[in-house]
Amino acid sequence: MKRTYEEMYGIPHAEFIAIMNLQDYCCAICGAHQADLRTMFTLNKETMELVCGRHLHTGDTLRSVAG
């Protein structure tokens, strides 16, 4: 069974796409473009940043990396 964006991220699909547009389809942490990655992006619900799979389990956020 496929889950909806609202079930996965707690926001409607249109809002997820709007965030991706604001970030130019790039990871908020490393700047990698979604087209260049073989991983999917996910939403950090605390910061509302979209991050690539490399940072899912590290706890990295744009704010923590910036220092």
C-alpha atoms as a PDB file:
ATOM      1  CA  MET A   1       0.000   0.000   0.000  1.00  0.00           C
ATOM      2  CA  LYS A   2       1.375   3.367  -1.023  1.00  0.00           C
ATOM      3  CA  ARG A   3       1.427   6.102   1.589  1.00  0.00           C
ATOM      4  CA  THR A   4       0.568   9.710   0.767  1.00  0.00           C
ATOM      5  CA  TYR A   5       2.880  12.669   1.330  1.00  0.00           C
ATOM      6  CA  GLU A   6       0.592  13.799   4.112  1.00  0.00           C
ATOM      7  CA  GLU A   7       0.942  10.431   5.854  1.00  0.00           C
ATOM      8  CA  MET A   8       4.721  10.370   5.385  1.00  0.00           C
ATOM      9  CA  TYR A   9       5.593  14.014   6.068  1.00  0.00           C
ATOM     10  CA  GLY A  10       2.521  15.529   7.689  1.00  0.00           C
ATOM     11  CA  ILE A  11       2.115  18.105   4.905  1.00  0.00           C
ATOM     12  CA  PRO A  12       0.225  18.083   1.601  1.00  0.00           C
ATOM     13  CA  HIS A  13       2.080  17.149  -1.592  1.00  0.00           C
ATOM     14  CA  ALA A  14       1.806  20.735  -2.889  1.00  0.00           C
ATOM     15  CA  GLU A  15       3.594  22.061   0.205  1.00  0.00           C
ATOM     16  CA  PHE A  16       6.350  19.438  -0.165  1.00  0.00           C
ATOM     17  CA  ILE A  17       6.857  20.534  -3.788  1.00  0.00           C
ATOM     18  CA  ALA A  18       6.875  24.214  -2.726  1.00  0.00           C
ATOM     19  CA  ILE A  19       9.678  23.481  -0.235  1.00  0.00           C
ATOM     20  CA  MET A  20      11.608  21.608  -2.928  1.00  0.00           C
ATOM     21  CA  ASN A  21      11.219  24.628  -5.233  1.00  0.00           C
ATOM     22  CA  LEU A  22      12.480  26.983  -2.512  1.00  0.00           C
ATOM     23  CA  GLN A  23      15.547  24.780  -2.062  1.00  0.00           C
ATOM     24  CA  ASP A  24      16.049  24.464  -5.857  1.00  0.00           C
ATOM     25  CA  TYR A  25      15.618  20.685  -5.516  1.00  0.00           C
ATOM     26  CA  CYS A  26      18.840  20.540  -3.486  1.00  0.00           C
ATOM     27  CA  CYS A  27      19.641  19.071  -0.089  1.00  0.00           C
ATOM     28  CA  ALA A  28      19.559  21.740   2.615  1.00  0.00           C
ATOM     29  CA  ILE A  29      22.749  20.379   4.158  1.00  0.00           C
ATOM     30  CA  CYS A  30      25.161  19.369   1.403  1.00  0.00           C
ATOM     31  CA  GLY A  31      23.581  21.134  -1.583  1.00  0.00           C
ATOM     32  CA  ALA A  32      23.437  17.984  -3.721  1.00  0.00           C
ATOM     33  CA  HIS A  33      20.782  18.237  -6.417  1.00  0.00           C
ATOM     34  CA  GLN A  34      18.061  15.607  -6.344  1.00  0.00           C
ATOM     35  CA  ALA A  35      18.764  14.619  -9.965  1.00  0.00           C
ATOM     36  CA  ASP A  36      22.387  13.798  -9.066  1.00  0.00           C
ATOM     37  CA  LEU A  37      21.516  11.456  -6.222  1.00  0.00           C
ATOM     38  CA  ARG A  38      20.300   7.893  -6.172  1.00  0.00           C
ATOM     39  CA  THR A  39      18.488   8.489  -2.932  1.00  0.00           C
ATOM     40  CA  MET A  40      15.280  10.205  -2.096  1.00  0.00           C
ATOM     41  CA  PHE A  41      14.801  13.352  -0.102  1.00  0.00           C
ATOM     42  CA  THR A  42      12.902  13.478   3.130  1.00  0.00           C
ATOM     43  CA  LEU A  43      11.564  16.249   5.316  1.00  0.00           C
ATOM     44  CA  ASN A  44      13.176  17.124   8.637  1.00  0.00           C
ATOM     45  CA  LYS A  45       9.974  17.908  10.515  1.00  0.00           C
ATOM     46  CA  GLU A  46      11.756  19.965  13.179  1.00  0.00           C
ATOM     47  CA  THR A  47      13.399  22.381  10.762  1.00  0.00           C
ATOM     48  CA  MET A  48      11.159  21.913   7.683  1.00  0.00           C
ATOM     49  CA  GLU A  49      14.321  21.316   5.616  1.00  0.00           C
ATOM     50  CA  LEU A  50      14.509  18.710   2.881  1.00  0.00           C
ATOM     51  CA  VAL A  51      17.595  16.555   3.188  1.00  0.00           C
ATOM     52  CA  CYS A  52      19.024  13.741   1.110  1.00  0.00           C
ATOM     53  CA  GLY A  53      19.399  10.193   2.368  1.00  0.00           C
ATOM     54  CA  ARG A  54      23.027  10.772   3.368  1.00  0.00           C
ATOM     55  CA  HIS A  55      21.873  12.820   6.362  1.00  0.00           C
ATOM     56  CA  LEU A  56      18.807  10.877   7.474  1.00  0.00           C
ATOM     57  CA  HIS A  57      20.445   9.033  10.341  1.00  0.00           C
ATOM     58  CA  THR A  58      23.267  11.424  11.204  1.00  0.00           C
ATOM     59  CA  GLY A  59      21.128  14.073  12.894  1.00  0.00           C
ATOM     60  CA  ASP A  60      22.745  16.752  10.725  1.00  0.00           C
ATOM     61  CA  THR A  61      20.747  19.884  10.041  1.00  0.00           C
ATOM     62  CA  LEU A  62      21.654  23.011   8.138  1.00  0.00           C
ATOM     63  CA  ARG A  63      21.845  24.834  11.454  1.00  0.00           C
ATOM     64  CA  SER A  64      24.127  22.231  13.109  1.00  0.00           C
ATOM     65  CA  VAL A  65      26.486  22.056  10.133  1.00  0.00           C
ATOM     66  CA  ALA A  66      26.690  25.861   9.901  1.00  0.00           C
ATOM     67  CA  GLY A  67      27.854  25.816  13.436  1.00  0.00           C
END
